[in-house]
Amino acid sequence: MPATQKIKGPDGRIPDRLPDGRPAVSWERRWTEGQLPLWLVATAGGIAVIFVLGIFFYGSYTGVGNSLG
C-alpha cells in the first residue's frame, strides 16, 4: 500500500485512531477543516441559543403572563 493512501474502514470512513493509538487527525485540523468548520457551527449555535432565551425574556415582560400590568 502506498504511503500516501489512507487506511479506510469497511464503510469507507477513515478511522479515528492510527494503529499506534495516536489520533488520525490533529485537534487543530478538526476545528478548522471539513465541510463546515466546527467553530462556525458552535458560534451559530451559541447565537441561536441566546436569541431563543431573549425571546423568552421578552415574552415574560410583555403579553400574556407579565406581572407588570
Protein backbone atom coordinates (compact mmCIF):
# COMPACT_ATOMS: atom_id res chain seq x y z
CA MET A 1 0.00 0.00 0.00
CA PRO A 2 1.46 3.43 -0.90
CA ALA A 3 2.40 5.67 2.00
CA THR A 4 0.09 8.46 0.78
CA GLN A 5 -3.06 6.30 0.76
CA LYS A 6 -5.07 6.38 3.99
CA ILE A 7 -6.44 3.20 5.54
CA LYS A 8 -10.24 3.16 5.32
CA GLY A 9 -12.78 1.12 7.25
CA PRO A 10 -15.32 -1.22 5.63
CA ASP A 11 -17.78 1.65 5.12
CA GLY A 12 -15.16 3.95 3.55
CA ARG A 13 -14.56 6.19 6.56
CA ILE A 14 -11.08 6.99 7.82
CA PRO A 15 -10.60 5.56 11.35
CA ASP A 16 -10.33 7.89 14.34
CA ARG A 17 -7.02 6.45 15.57
CA LEU A 18 -3.87 5.24 13.89
CA PRO A 19 -2.66 1.68 14.62
CA ASP A 20 -0.22 3.01 17.24
CA GLY A 21 -3.03 4.82 19.14
CA ARG A 22 -2.34 8.39 18.03
CA PRO A 23 -5.28 10.44 16.67
CA ALA A 24 -5.59 10.20 12.87
CA VAL A 25 -6.43 13.92 12.63
CA SER A 26 -4.87 16.54 14.89
CA TRP A 27 -7.18 18.61 17.09
CA GLU A 28 -6.19 21.79 15.24
CA ARG A 29 -7.43 20.36 11.95
CA ARG A 30 -10.66 19.09 13.50
CA TRP A 31 -11.61 22.69 14.37
CA THR A 32 -10.61 24.27 11.06
CA GLU A 33 -11.20 21.75 8.27
CA GLY A 34 -14.12 19.81 6.88
CA GLN A 35 -17.39 20.62 5.16
CA LEU A 36 -18.20 23.35 7.68
CA PRO A 37 -15.67 24.46 10.32
CA LEU A 38 -16.68 23.44 13.84
CA TRP A 39 -16.00 26.93 15.23
CA LEU A 40 -18.56 28.34 12.79
CA VAL A 41 -21.19 25.77 13.81
CA ALA A 42 -20.52 26.44 17.52
CA THR A 43 -20.76 30.22 17.02
CA ALA A 44 -24.05 29.95 15.11
CA GLY A 45 -25.44 27.58 17.75
CA GLY A 46 -24.46 29.92 20.57
CA ILE A 47 -26.09 32.89 18.86
CA ALA A 48 -29.25 30.83 18.30
CA VAL A 49 -29.40 29.86 22.00
CA ILE A 50 -29.01 33.50 23.08
CA PHE A 51 -31.73 34.53 20.60
CA VAL A 52 -34.21 31.92 21.89
CA LEU A 53 -33.52 32.87 25.51
CA GLY A 54 -34.05 36.50 24.53
CA ILE A 55 -37.47 35.64 23.12
CA PHE A 56 -38.42 34.00 26.43
CA PHE A 57 -37.24 37.02 28.44
CA TYR A 58 -39.08 39.37 26.09
CA GLY A 59 -42.25 37.33 26.47
CA SER A 60 -42.01 37.42 30.25
CA TYR A 61 -42.17 41.24 30.22
CA THR A 62 -44.84 41.65 27.52
CA GLY A 63 -48.10 39.99 26.60
CA VAL A 64 -49.83 37.20 28.50
CA GLY A 65 -48.12 36.26 31.75
CA ASN A 66 -46.43 39.54 32.60
CA SER A 67 -46.84 40.75 36.13
CA LEU A 68 -46.28 44.43 35.41
CA GLY A 69 -49.70 45.40 34.13
